[in-house]
Amino acid sequence: MICVKWDKNRCPKNIELPSGWVFYSFRQGDQPLWCGITPNLAQRLKVVRQKAESDPRYGENTAAADILQIETYPRAIDALIRFKVFLRLHQVTFQHVMRTSRDYVYLALDGHRFPFVCVKEDTNDDWSYLGPWRGRFFLTDVMDTFARILKLPYCETDSHPCVKHETGACQGWCLALAENLPEAEKPDLAKLDTLLRETYLHPQNGILEMVSQERDRYFDDLEFAKADLLDEEIDKLAKYRDWLGFLYVTKSLSFSEEDFGVENGLLSWCVYEGVRYEFVNALDSYRENELLAINLNDTDEARLLYEYHVKHHKG
């Protein structure tokens, strides 16, 4: 275990932080304030300092800490087990406030409701939901890519129709909501709903392959600047497809190892330092419209266990 002084939202500059997976806990004396796990502690502390400058709650809570304890682990699953057991054994004062999932967002779809596709911070309304996703900007970039390629709606203003329809960048699906337009001239929103689901819900929708082929044509024609631009889109589309695959699997993921077990995508039991711990993970009664949605607070744990399963139990 490594203990370092935490003073005014930062570590001493001469401290060499460990690399790889760690469990960390911020403390005020012997009292843990909040804790977590990360494969990149330096980056996590950088984010903590940035949030402390912009978010009063982060600022107050990080200022209250005087000790940062660090424990290194060889595997992500070992750090997760330590984290889960620590929360079981301790009252951690600011854990709920400081959770990383506060920044996660859901993708919401509804082909019959303006703006048809958007970003939401929860799943409390009647949209069809996917997620959560780590990062609002990543998700909006993907939405923008799908809109440009397929001329699907990505409405960035509350007014409609907008300039995108005027320039031909969008097919003007919002015209279906115009009261003064004859029904025969209105776009078919049932068709739009199908297109949105085929685009956003299906990992193998062919869009990634289409962009990859276009990128290769630019490269073969020596148009390297255009090829480089598409490299960024390909990377985003690949990450979207990978995360979508995770969302399809996680709610039903169950498997067991010698020292831990997983049920419905979450840790159900583990053995830590010779003691067995059980974790009650009541399977949420997800609503029908929460198609590929899981709880915000479970996202990091579910993703870690999914990646472990892919690495150790497939192929």
C-alpha atoms as a PDB file:
ATOM      1  CA  MET A   1       0.000   0.000   0.000  1.00  0.00           C
ATOM      2  CA  ILE A   2       1.165   3.507  -0.858  1.00  0.00           C
ATOM      3  CA  CYS A   3       0.075   6.503   1.213  1.00  0.00           C
ATOM      4  CA  VAL A   4       0.700   9.991  -0.125  1.00  0.00           C
ATOM      5  CA  LYS A   5      -0.226  13.420   1.164  1.00  0.00           C
ATOM      6  CA  TRP A   6      -3.127  15.058  -0.629  1.00  0.00           C
ATOM      7  CA  ASP A   7      -3.051  18.816  -0.248  1.00  0.00           C
ATOM      8  CA  LYS A   8      -5.390  21.324  -1.887  1.00  0.00           C
ATOM      9  CA  ASN A   9      -6.552  18.947  -4.616  1.00  0.00           C
ATOM     10  CA  ARG A  10      -3.148  17.651  -5.619  1.00  0.00           C
ATOM     11  CA  CYS A  11      -0.338  15.209  -4.811  1.00  0.00           C
ATOM     12  CA  PRO A  12       3.229  16.332  -4.143  1.00  0.00           C
ATOM     13  CA  LYS A  13       4.998  16.789  -7.488  1.00  0.00           C
ATOM     14  CA  ASN A  14       7.863  14.428  -6.595  1.00  0.00           C
ATOM     15  CA  ILE A  15       5.578  11.393  -6.146  1.00  0.00           C
ATOM     16  CA  GLU A  16       5.916   8.693  -8.810  1.00  0.00           C
ATOM     17  CA  LEU A  17       2.462   7.209  -9.277  1.00  0.00           C
ATOM     18  CA  PRO A  18       2.157   3.476 -10.043  1.00  0.00           C
ATOM     19  CA  SER A  19       1.017   2.292 -13.464  1.00  0.00           C
ATOM     20  CA  GLY A  20      -1.543  -0.408 -14.143  1.00  0.00           C
ATOM     21  CA  TRP A  21      -4.690  -1.214 -12.203  1.00  0.00           C
ATOM     22  CA  VAL A  22      -5.028   0.347  -8.762  1.00  0.00           C
ATOM     23  CA  PHE A  23      -7.599   0.707  -6.018  1.00  0.00           C
ATOM     24  CA  TYR A  24      -7.455   4.186  -4.516  1.00  0.00           C
ATOM     25  CA  SER A  25      -9.172   5.814  -1.567  1.00  0.00           C
ATOM     26  CA  PHE A  26      -9.227   9.445  -0.547  1.00  0.00           C
ATOM     27  CA  ARG A  27      -9.241   9.866   3.220  1.00  0.00           C
ATOM     28  CA  GLN A  28      -9.509  12.415   5.964  1.00  0.00           C
ATOM     29  CA  GLY A  29      -7.384  10.786   8.615  1.00  0.00           C
ATOM     30  CA  ASP A  30      -8.797   7.278   9.051  1.00  0.00           C
ATOM     31  CA  GLN A  31     -12.157   8.108   7.451  1.00  0.00           C
ATOM     32  CA  PRO A  32     -12.532   7.127   3.780  1.00  0.00           C
ATOM     33  CA  LEU A  33     -14.213   9.878   1.773  1.00  0.00           C
ATOM     34  CA  TRP A  34     -14.493   8.146  -1.601  1.00  0.00           C
ATOM     35  CA  CYS A  35     -12.733   5.410  -3.545  1.00  0.00           C
ATOM     36  CA  GLY A  36     -12.468   3.829  -6.948  1.00  0.00           C
ATOM     37  CA  ILE A  37     -10.405   1.776  -9.376  1.00  0.00           C
ATOM     38  CA  THR A  38      -8.563   2.808 -12.507  1.00  0.00           C
ATOM     39  CA  PRO A  39      -5.933   1.526 -14.958  1.00  0.00           C
ATOM     40  CA  ASN A  40      -4.438   5.033 -15.197  1.00  0.00           C
ATOM     41  CA  LEU A  41      -4.166   6.766 -11.837  1.00  0.00           C
ATOM     42  CA  ALA A  42      -2.340   9.815 -13.174  1.00  0.00           C
ATOM     43  CA  GLN A  43      -5.143  10.509 -15.648  1.00  0.00           C
ATOM     44  CA  ARG A  44      -7.824   9.909 -13.013  1.00  0.00           C
ATOM     45  CA  LEU A  45      -6.191  12.403 -10.640  1.00  0.00           C
ATOM     46  CA  LYS A  46      -5.941  14.912 -13.465  1.00  0.00           C
ATOM     47  CA  VAL A  47      -9.694  14.604 -14.010  1.00  0.00           C
ATOM     48  CA  VAL A  48     -10.318  14.962 -10.268  1.00  0.00           C
ATOM     49  CA  ARG A  49      -8.326  18.206 -10.181  1.00  0.00           C
ATOM     50  CA  GLN A  50     -10.137  19.555 -13.248  1.00  0.00           C
ATOM     51  CA  LYS A  51     -13.526  18.773 -11.755  1.00  0.00           C
ATOM     52  CA  ALA A  52     -12.494  20.339  -8.460  1.00  0.00           C
ATOM     53  CA  GLU A  53     -12.006  23.629 -10.308  1.00  0.00           C
ATOM     54  CA  SER A  54     -15.394  23.567 -12.067  1.00  0.00           C
ATOM     55  CA  ASP A  55     -17.726  21.659  -9.714  1.00  0.00           C
ATOM     56  CA  PRO A  56     -18.174  23.025  -6.155  1.00  0.00           C
ATOM     57  CA  ARG A  57     -19.006  19.566  -4.786  1.00  0.00           C
ATOM     58  CA  TYR A  58     -15.811  18.113  -6.181  1.00  0.00           C
ATOM     59  CA  GLY A  59     -13.877  21.101  -4.928  1.00  0.00           C
ATOM     60  CA  GLU A  60     -15.197  20.818  -1.364  1.00  0.00           C
ATOM     61  CA  ASN A  61     -14.816  17.060  -1.178  1.00  0.00           C
ATOM     62  CA  THR A  62     -11.312  16.902  -2.609  1.00  0.00           C
ATOM     63  CA  ALA A  63     -10.239  19.750  -0.322  1.00  0.00           C
ATOM     64  CA  ALA A  64     -11.450  17.712   2.664  1.00  0.00           C
ATOM     65  CA  ALA A  65      -9.035  14.861   1.864  1.00  0.00           C
ATOM     66  CA  ASP A  66      -5.536  14.791   3.332  1.00  0.00           C
ATOM     67  CA  ILE A  67      -4.402  11.261   2.415  1.00  0.00           C
ATOM     68  CA  LEU A  68      -4.535   9.267  -0.814  1.00  0.00           C
ATOM     69  CA  GLN A  69      -4.086   5.532  -0.338  1.00  0.00           C
ATOM     70  CA  ILE A  70      -3.119   3.438  -3.352  1.00  0.00           C
ATOM     71  CA  GLU A  71      -3.075  -0.342  -3.774  1.00  0.00           C
ATOM     72  CA  THR A  72      -1.804  -1.934  -6.989  1.00  0.00           C
ATOM     73  CA  TYR A  73      -3.295  -5.099  -8.515  1.00  0.00           C
ATOM     74  CA  PRO A  74      -2.209  -7.355 -11.381  1.00  0.00           C
ATOM     75  CA  ARG A  75      -5.694  -7.654 -12.912  1.00  0.00           C
ATOM     76  CA  ALA A  76      -8.710  -5.409 -13.293  1.00  0.00           C
ATOM     77  CA  ILE A  77     -10.896  -8.046 -11.642  1.00  0.00           C
ATOM     78  CA  ASP A  78      -8.679  -8.017  -8.540  1.00  0.00           C
ATOM     79  CA  ALA A  79      -9.060  -4.246  -8.219  1.00  0.00           C
ATOM     80  CA  LEU A  80     -12.834  -4.576  -8.664  1.00  0.00           C
ATOM     81  CA  ILE A  81     -13.072  -7.221  -5.940  1.00  0.00           C
ATOM     82  CA  ARG A  82     -11.078  -5.012  -3.566  1.00  0.00           C
ATOM     83  CA  PHE A  83     -13.372  -2.073  -4.394  1.00  0.00           C
ATOM     84  CA  LYS A  84     -16.582  -4.039  -3.800  1.00  0.00           C
ATOM     85  CA  VAL A  85     -15.344  -5.482  -0.507  1.00  0.00           C
ATOM     86  CA  PHE A  86     -14.135  -2.070   0.673  1.00  0.00           C
ATOM     87  CA  LEU A  87     -17.573  -0.561   0.106  1.00  0.00           C
ATOM     88  CA  ARG A  88     -19.126  -3.483   1.963  1.00  0.00           C
ATOM     89  CA  LEU A  89     -16.891  -2.976   4.999  1.00  0.00           C
ATOM     90  CA  HIS A  90     -16.743   0.833   5.235  1.00  0.00           C
ATOM     91  CA  GLN A  91     -19.026   3.837   5.339  1.00  0.00           C
ATOM     92  CA  VAL A  92     -17.587   5.955   2.535  1.00  0.00           C
ATOM     93  CA  THR A  93     -18.763   9.530   3.066  1.00  0.00           C
ATOM     94  CA  PHE A  94     -18.829  11.048  -0.423  1.00  0.00           C
ATOM     95  CA  GLN A  95     -19.008   7.932  -2.603  1.00  0.00           C
ATOM     96  CA  HIS A  96     -22.383   8.732  -4.125  1.00  0.00           C
ATOM     97  CA  VAL A  97     -21.464  12.319  -4.989  1.00  0.00           C
ATOM     98  CA  MET A  98     -18.068  11.517  -6.505  1.00  0.00           C
ATOM     99  CA  ARG A  99     -19.022   8.578  -8.712  1.00  0.00           C
ATOM    100  CA  THR A 100     -17.667   8.747 -12.269  1.00  0.00           C
ATOM    101  CA  SER A 101     -21.013   7.720 -13.770  1.00  0.00           C
ATOM    102  CA  ARG A 102     -22.377  11.209 -13.177  1.00  0.00           C
ATOM    103  CA  ASP A 103     -20.930  12.119 -16.577  1.00  0.00           C
ATOM    104  CA  TYR A 104     -22.523   9.226 -18.480  1.00  0.00           C
ATOM    105  CA  VAL A 105     -25.492   9.705 -20.828  1.00  0.00           C
ATOM    106  CA  TYR A 106     -28.095   7.671 -22.689  1.00  0.00           C
ATOM    107  CA  LEU A 107     -29.041   7.683 -26.356  1.00  0.00           C
ATOM    108  CA  ALA A 108     -32.793   8.150 -26.844  1.00  0.00           C
ATOM    109  CA  LEU A 109     -34.697   7.216 -30.015  1.00  0.00           C
ATOM    110  CA  ASP A 110     -38.274   7.828 -31.142  1.00  0.00           C
ATOM    111  CA  GLY A 111     -39.091   8.095 -34.824  1.00  0.00           C
ATOM    112  CA  HIS A 112     -42.461   9.705 -34.045  1.00  0.00           C
ATOM    113  CA  ARG A 113     -41.276  12.472 -31.707  1.00  0.00           C
ATOM    114  CA  PHE A 114     -39.098  15.506 -32.383  1.00  0.00           C
ATOM    115  CA  PRO A 115     -36.080  15.617 -32.315  1.00  0.00           C
ATOM    116  CA  PHE A 116     -36.232  11.842 -33.075  1.00  0.00           C
ATOM    117  CA  VAL A 117     -32.762  11.077 -31.651  1.00  0.00           C
ATOM    118  CA  CYS A 118     -31.149  12.865 -28.705  1.00  0.00           C
ATOM    119  CA  VAL A 119     -29.003  12.554 -25.592  1.00  0.00           C
ATOM    120  CA  LYS A 120     -30.614  12.053 -22.177  1.00  0.00           C
ATOM    121  CA  GLU A 121     -29.176  11.927 -18.661  1.00  0.00           C
ATOM    122  CA  ASP A 122     -31.728   9.341 -17.463  1.00  0.00           C
ATOM    123  CA  THR A 123     -34.356   6.913 -18.776  1.00  0.00           C
ATOM    124  CA  ASN A 124     -37.380   8.403 -17.042  1.00  0.00           C
ATOM    125  CA  ASP A 125     -39.337   9.398 -20.169  1.00  0.00           C
ATOM    126  CA  ASP A 126     -40.965   7.305 -22.895  1.00  0.00           C
ATOM    127  CA  TRP A 127     -38.132   7.241 -25.437  1.00  0.00           C
ATOM    128  CA  SER A 128     -36.369   4.018 -26.451  1.00  0.00           C
ATOM    129  CA  TYR A 129     -33.036   4.005 -24.635  1.00  0.00           C
ATOM    130  CA  LEU A 130     -29.510   2.694 -25.217  1.00  0.00           C
ATOM    131  CA  GLY A 131     -26.576   3.105 -22.885  1.00  0.00           C
ATOM    132  CA  PRO A 132     -25.228   4.679 -20.897  1.00  0.00           C
ATOM    133  CA  TRP A 133     -22.243   5.886 -22.885  1.00  0.00           C
ATOM    134  CA  ARG A 134     -19.052   7.316 -21.445  1.00  0.00           C
ATOM    135  CA  GLY A 135     -19.082  10.824 -22.764  1.00  0.00           C
ATOM    136  CA  ARG A 136     -21.704  13.095 -24.277  1.00  0.00           C
ATOM    137  CA  PHE A 137     -19.354  14.379 -26.993  1.00  0.00           C
ATOM    138  CA  PHE A 138     -18.519  10.891 -28.261  1.00  0.00           C
ATOM    139  CA  LEU A 139     -22.197  10.095 -28.599  1.00  0.00           C
ATOM    140  CA  THR A 140     -23.060  13.344 -30.396  1.00  0.00           C
ATOM    141  CA  ASP A 141     -20.147  12.767 -32.800  1.00  0.00           C
ATOM    142  CA  VAL A 142     -21.576   9.361 -33.692  1.00  0.00           C
ATOM    143  CA  MET A 143     -25.050  10.861 -34.150  1.00  0.00           C
ATOM    144  CA  ASP A 144     -23.573  13.489 -36.448  1.00  0.00           C
ATOM    145  CA  THR A 145     -21.776  10.804 -38.496  1.00  0.00           C
ATOM    146  CA  PHE A 146     -24.939   8.727 -38.967  1.00  0.00           C
ATOM    147  CA  ALA A 147     -26.874  11.874 -39.896  1.00  0.00           C
ATOM    148  CA  ARG A 148     -24.359  12.925 -42.547  1.00  0.00           C
ATOM    149  CA  ILE A 149     -24.045   9.469 -44.105  1.00  0.00           C
ATOM    150  CA  LEU A 150     -27.728   8.474 -44.078  1.00  0.00           C
ATOM    151  CA  LYS A 151     -29.394  11.919 -43.890  1.00  0.00           C
ATOM    152  CA  LEU A 152     -31.053  10.908 -40.646  1.00  0.00           C
ATOM    153  CA  PRO A 153     -32.192  13.629 -38.255  1.00  0.00           C
ATOM    154  CA  TYR A 154     -29.689  15.112 -35.836  1.00  0.00           C
ATOM    155  CA  CYS A 155     -31.476  18.255 -34.730  1.00  0.00           C
ATOM    156  CA  GLU A 156     -29.276  20.774 -32.957  1.00  0.00           C
ATOM    157  CA  THR A 157     -31.964  23.457 -32.589  1.00  0.00           C
ATOM    158  CA  ASP A 158     -35.522  23.457 -31.225  1.00  0.00           C
ATOM    159  CA  SER A 159     -36.914  25.008 -34.416  1.00  0.00           C
ATOM    160  CA  HIS A 160     -37.798  22.941 -37.452  1.00  0.00           C
ATOM    161  CA  PRO A 161     -37.320  22.643 -40.351  1.00  0.00           C
ATOM    162  CA  CYS A 162     -33.797  24.027 -40.072  1.00  0.00           C
ATOM    163  CA  VAL A 163     -30.894  24.868 -42.358  1.00  0.00           C
ATOM    164  CA  LYS A 164     -29.926  21.193 -42.677  1.00  0.00           C
ATOM    165  CA  HIS A 165     -33.097  20.560 -44.657  1.00  0.00           C
ATOM    166  CA  GLU A 166     -32.550  23.662 -46.766  1.00  0.00           C
ATOM    167  CA  THR A 167     -29.036  22.528 -47.726  1.00  0.00           C
ATOM    168  CA  GLY A 168     -30.052  18.926 -48.385  1.00  0.00           C
ATOM    169  CA  ALA A 169     -28.140  17.543 -45.399  1.00  0.00           C
ATOM    170  CA  CYS A 170     -31.366  16.127 -43.950  1.00  0.00           C
ATOM    171  CA  GLN A 171     -34.464  14.688 -45.631  1.00  0.00           C
ATOM    172  CA  GLY A 172     -36.703  16.894 -43.517  1.00  0.00           C
ATOM    173  CA  TRP A 173     -38.373  14.252 -41.404  1.00  0.00           C
ATOM    174  CA  CYS A 174     -39.655  17.007 -39.136  1.00  0.00           C
ATOM    175  CA  LEU A 175     -42.027  18.132 -41.921  1.00  0.00           C
ATOM    176  CA  ALA A 176     -44.258  15.253 -40.840  1.00  0.00           C
ATOM    177  CA  LEU A 177     -45.077  17.365 -37.777  1.00  0.00           C
ATOM    178  CA  ALA A 178     -46.099  20.448 -39.790  1.00  0.00           C
ATOM    179  CA  GLU A 179     -49.793  21.228 -39.318  1.00  0.00           C
ATOM    180  CA  ASN A 180     -50.189  23.095 -42.619  1.00  0.00           C
ATOM    181  CA  LEU A 181     -48.749  20.340 -44.833  1.00  0.00           C
ATOM    182  CA  PRO A 182     -51.089  17.859 -46.574  1.00  0.00           C
ATOM    183  CA  GLU A 183     -50.790  14.330 -45.203  1.00  0.00           C
ATOM    184  CA  ALA A 184     -49.798  12.985 -48.602  1.00  0.00           C
ATOM    185  CA  GLU A 185     -46.712  15.226 -48.616  1.00  0.00           C
ATOM    186  CA  LYS A 186     -45.515  14.366 -45.130  1.00  0.00           C
ATOM    187  CA  PRO A 187     -42.566  11.976 -44.613  1.00  0.00           C
ATOM    188  CA  ASP A 188     -43.377   8.518 -43.289  1.00  0.00           C
ATOM    189  CA  LEU A 189     -42.331   8.528 -39.619  1.00  0.00           C
ATOM    190  CA  ALA A 190     -42.868   4.774 -39.345  1.00  0.00           C
ATOM    191  CA  LYS A 191     -40.124   4.393 -41.959  1.00  0.00           C
ATOM    192  CA  LEU A 192     -37.922   6.792 -39.985  1.00  0.00           C
ATOM    193  CA  ASP A 193     -38.417   4.784 -36.806  1.00  0.00           C
ATOM    194  CA  THR A 194     -37.311   1.639 -38.645  1.00  0.00           C
ATOM    195  CA  LEU A 195     -34.244   3.410 -40.068  1.00  0.00           C
ATOM    196  CA  LEU A 196     -33.240   4.727 -36.649  1.00  0.00           C
ATOM    197  CA  ARG A 197     -33.476   1.287 -35.085  1.00  0.00           C
ATOM    198  CA  GLU A 198     -31.573  -0.378 -37.926  1.00  0.00           C
ATOM    199  CA  THR A 199     -28.843   2.255 -37.669  1.00  0.00           C
ATOM    200  CA  TYR A 200     -28.430   2.637 -33.922  1.00  0.00           C
ATOM    201  CA  LEU A 201     -29.459  -0.779 -32.589  1.00  0.00           C
ATOM    202  CA  HIS A 202     -27.679  -3.176 -34.952  1.00  0.00           C
ATOM    203  CA  PRO A 203     -23.890  -3.597 -34.566  1.00  0.00           C
ATOM    204  CA  GLN A 204     -23.531  -5.137 -38.032  1.00  0.00           C
ATOM    205  CA  ASN A 205     -25.388  -2.406 -39.928  1.00  0.00           C
ATOM    206  CA  GLY A 206     -22.647  -2.114 -42.561  1.00  0.00           C
ATOM    207  CA  ILE A 207     -21.934   1.583 -41.993  1.00  0.00           C
ATOM    208  CA  LEU A 208     -18.459   0.989 -40.573  1.00  0.00           C
ATOM    209  CA  GLU A 209     -17.543  -1.165 -43.574  1.00  0.00           C
ATOM    210  CA  MET A 210     -18.894   1.456 -45.984  1.00  0.00           C
ATOM    211  CA  VAL A 211     -16.803   4.234 -44.440  1.00  0.00           C
ATOM    212  CA  SER A 212     -13.747   1.946 -44.352  1.00  0.00           C
ATOM    213  CA  GLN A 213     -14.103   1.228 -48.072  1.00  0.00           C
ATOM    214  CA  GLU A 214     -14.398   4.938 -48.836  1.00  0.00           C
ATOM    215  CA  ARG A 215     -11.290   5.603 -46.761  1.00  0.00           C
ATOM    216  CA  ASP A 216      -9.363   2.952 -48.710  1.00  0.00           C
ATOM    217  CA  ARG A 217     -10.424   4.527 -52.019  1.00  0.00           C
ATOM    218  CA  TYR A 218      -9.107   7.914 -50.891  1.00  0.00           C
ATOM    219  CA  PHE A 219      -5.857   6.302 -49.787  1.00  0.00           C
ATOM    220  CA  ASP A 220      -5.448   4.428 -53.072  1.00  0.00           C
ATOM    221  CA  ASP A 221      -6.056   7.694 -54.955  1.00  0.00           C
ATOM    222  CA  LEU A 222      -3.338   9.362 -52.850  1.00  0.00           C
ATOM    223  CA  GLU A 223      -5.861  11.696 -51.187  1.00  0.00           C
ATOM    224  CA  PHE A 224      -4.252  11.186 -47.812  1.00  0.00           C
ATOM    225  CA  ALA A 225      -5.832  14.185 -46.059  1.00  0.00           C
ATOM    226  CA  LYS A 226      -9.329  12.877 -46.801  1.00  0.00           C
ATOM    227  CA  ALA A 227      -8.281   9.373 -45.729  1.00  0.00           C
ATOM    228  CA  ASP A 228      -6.986  10.727 -42.416  1.00  0.00           C
ATOM    229  CA  LEU A 229     -10.310  12.447 -41.714  1.00  0.00           C
ATOM    230  CA  LEU A 230     -12.164   9.193 -42.254  1.00  0.00           C
ATOM    231  CA  ASP A 231      -9.753   7.394 -39.907  1.00  0.00           C
ATOM    232  CA  GLU A 232     -11.276   9.403 -37.060  1.00  0.00           C
ATOM    233  CA  GLU A 233     -14.810   8.452 -38.090  1.00  0.00           C
ATOM    234  CA  ILE A 234     -13.846   4.795 -38.432  1.00  0.00           C
ATOM    235  CA  ASP A 235     -12.411   4.818 -34.930  1.00  0.00           C
ATOM    236  CA  LYS A 236     -15.619   6.298 -33.487  1.00  0.00           C
ATOM    237  CA  LEU A 237     -17.862   3.896 -35.381  1.00  0.00           C
ATOM    238  CA  ALA A 238     -15.763   0.926 -34.244  1.00  0.00           C
ATOM    239  CA  LYS A 239     -16.006   2.059 -30.617  1.00  0.00           C
ATOM    240  CA  TYR A 240     -19.756   2.526 -30.982  1.00  0.00           C
ATOM    241  CA  ARG A 241     -20.132  -0.987 -32.410  1.00  0.00           C
ATOM    242  CA  ASP A 242     -18.019  -2.463 -29.626  1.00  0.00           C
ATOM    243  CA  TRP A 243     -20.041  -0.717 -26.909  1.00  0.00           C
ATOM    244  CA  LEU A 244     -23.303  -1.767 -28.545  1.00  0.00           C
ATOM    245  CA  GLY A 245     -22.113  -5.388 -28.423  1.00  0.00           C
ATOM    246  CA  PHE A 246     -21.448  -4.968 -24.709  1.00  0.00           C
ATOM    247  CA  LEU A 247     -24.950  -3.592 -24.106  1.00  0.00           C
ATOM    248  CA  TYR A 248     -26.499  -6.576 -25.894  1.00  0.00           C
ATOM    249  CA  VAL A 249     -24.689  -9.076 -23.661  1.00  0.00           C
ATOM    250  CA  THR A 250     -24.314  -7.563 -20.223  1.00  0.00           C
ATOM    251  CA  LYS A 251     -27.817  -8.000 -18.767  1.00  0.00           C
ATOM    252  CA  SER A 252     -27.643 -11.768 -19.229  1.00  0.00           C
ATOM    253  CA  LEU A 253     -23.920 -12.332 -18.615  1.00  0.00           C
ATOM    254  CA  SER A 254     -23.317 -15.006 -15.956  1.00  0.00           C
ATOM    255  CA  PHE A 255     -20.216 -17.116 -15.249  1.00  0.00           C
ATOM    256  CA  SER A 256     -18.094 -18.334 -12.331  1.00  0.00           C
ATOM    257  CA  GLU A 257     -14.393 -18.532 -11.523  1.00  0.00           C
ATOM    258  CA  GLU A 258     -12.614 -20.042  -8.531  1.00  0.00           C
ATOM    259  CA  ASP A 259     -12.659 -16.803  -6.530  1.00  0.00           C
ATOM    260  CA  PHE A 260     -15.675 -14.895  -7.887  1.00  0.00           C
ATOM    261  CA  GLY A 261     -18.975 -15.235  -9.691  1.00  0.00           C
ATOM    262  CA  VAL A 262     -20.963 -13.028 -12.053  1.00  0.00           C
ATOM    263  CA  GLU A 263     -24.727 -12.946 -12.437  1.00  0.00           C
ATOM    264  CA  ASN A 264     -26.705 -10.673 -14.764  1.00  0.00           C
ATOM    265  CA  GLY A 265     -23.529  -8.807 -15.645  1.00  0.00           C
ATOM    266  CA  LEU A 266     -22.487  -7.886 -12.095  1.00  0.00           C
ATOM    267  CA  LEU A 267     -20.323  -9.423  -9.389  1.00  0.00           C
ATOM    268  CA  SER A 268     -22.516 -11.720  -7.276  1.00  0.00           C
ATOM    269  CA  TRP A 269     -19.867 -13.144  -4.914  1.00  0.00           C
ATOM    270  CA  CYS A 270     -16.129 -13.182  -4.325  1.00  0.00           C
ATOM    271  CA  VAL A 271     -13.479 -14.545  -1.990  1.00  0.00           C
ATOM    272  CA  TYR A 272     -11.128 -11.887  -0.626  1.00  0.00           C
ATOM    273  CA  GLU A 273      -8.360 -12.691   1.865  1.00  0.00           C
ATOM    274  CA  GLY A 274     -10.011 -16.023   2.643  1.00  0.00           C
ATOM    275  CA  VAL A 275     -13.462 -14.576   3.336  1.00  0.00           C
ATOM    276  CA  ARG A 276     -16.456 -15.091   1.047  1.00  0.00           C
ATOM    277  CA  TYR A 277     -18.632 -12.056   0.330  1.00  0.00           C
ATOM    278  CA  GLU A 278     -22.059 -12.140  -1.271  1.00  0.00           C
ATOM    279  CA  PHE A 279     -23.429  -9.174  -3.214  1.00  0.00           C
ATOM    280  CA  VAL A 280     -27.147  -8.769  -3.665  1.00  0.00           C
ATOM    281  CA  ASN A 281     -27.741  -7.579  -7.196  1.00  0.00           C
ATOM    282  CA  ALA A 282     -31.483  -7.644  -7.664  1.00  0.00           C
ATOM    283  CA  LEU A 283     -32.149  -7.874 -11.378  1.00  0.00           C
ATOM    284  CA  ASP A 284     -33.782  -4.585 -12.265  1.00  0.00           C
ATOM    285  CA  SER A 285     -37.205  -4.671 -13.754  1.00  0.00           C
ATOM    286  CA  TYR A 286     -36.278  -2.829 -16.901  1.00  0.00           C
ATOM    287  CA  ARG A 287     -39.100  -1.264 -18.834  1.00  0.00           C
ATOM    288  CA  GLU A 288     -39.781  -2.401 -22.379  1.00  0.00           C
ATOM    289  CA  ASN A 289     -38.439   0.859 -23.836  1.00  0.00           C
ATOM    290  CA  GLU A 290     -35.106   0.458 -21.992  1.00  0.00           C
ATOM    291  CA  LEU A 291     -34.010  -1.688 -24.915  1.00  0.00           C
ATOM    292  CA  LEU A 292     -30.263  -1.669 -24.327  1.00  0.00           C
ATOM    293  CA  ALA A 293     -30.101   0.407 -21.160  1.00  0.00           C
ATOM    294  CA  ILE A 294     -28.460  -0.472 -17.852  1.00  0.00           C
ATOM    295  CA  ASN A 295     -28.073   1.489 -14.625  1.00  0.00           C
ATOM    296  CA  LEU A 296     -25.559   4.332 -14.668  1.00  0.00           C
ATOM    297  CA  ASN A 297     -23.929   3.213 -11.425  1.00  0.00           C
ATOM    298  CA  ASP A 298     -23.344  -0.322 -12.739  1.00  0.00           C
ATOM    299  CA  THR A 299     -21.699   0.668 -16.026  1.00  0.00           C
ATOM    300  CA  ASP A 300     -18.008   0.506 -15.084  1.00  0.00           C
ATOM    301  CA  GLU A 301     -18.366  -2.775 -13.204  1.00  0.00           C
ATOM    302  CA  ALA A 302     -20.452  -4.340 -15.982  1.00  0.00           C
ATOM    303  CA  ARG A 303     -17.987  -3.269 -18.673  1.00  0.00           C
ATOM    304  CA  LEU A 304     -14.988  -4.589 -16.742  1.00  0.00           C
ATOM    305  CA  LEU A 305     -16.656  -7.978 -16.251  1.00  0.00           C
ATOM    306  CA  TYR A 306     -17.725  -8.098 -19.898  1.00  0.00           C
ATOM    307  CA  GLU A 307     -14.140  -7.449 -21.040  1.00  0.00           C
ATOM    308  CA  TYR A 308     -12.857 -10.129 -18.664  1.00  0.00           C
ATOM    309  CA  HIS A 309     -15.365 -12.610 -20.076  1.00  0.00           C
ATOM    310  CA  VAL A 310     -14.459 -11.770 -23.686  1.00  0.00           C
ATOM    311  CA  LYS A 311     -10.767 -12.256 -22.916  1.00  0.00           C
ATOM    312  CA  HIS A 312     -10.974 -15.429 -20.852  1.00  0.00           C
ATOM    313  CA  HIS A 313     -14.152 -17.242 -21.909  1.00  0.00           C
ATOM    314  CA  LYS A 314     -14.404 -16.748 -25.664  1.00  0.00           C
ATOM    315  CA  GLY A 315     -12.532 -18.315 -28.524  1.00  0.00           C
END
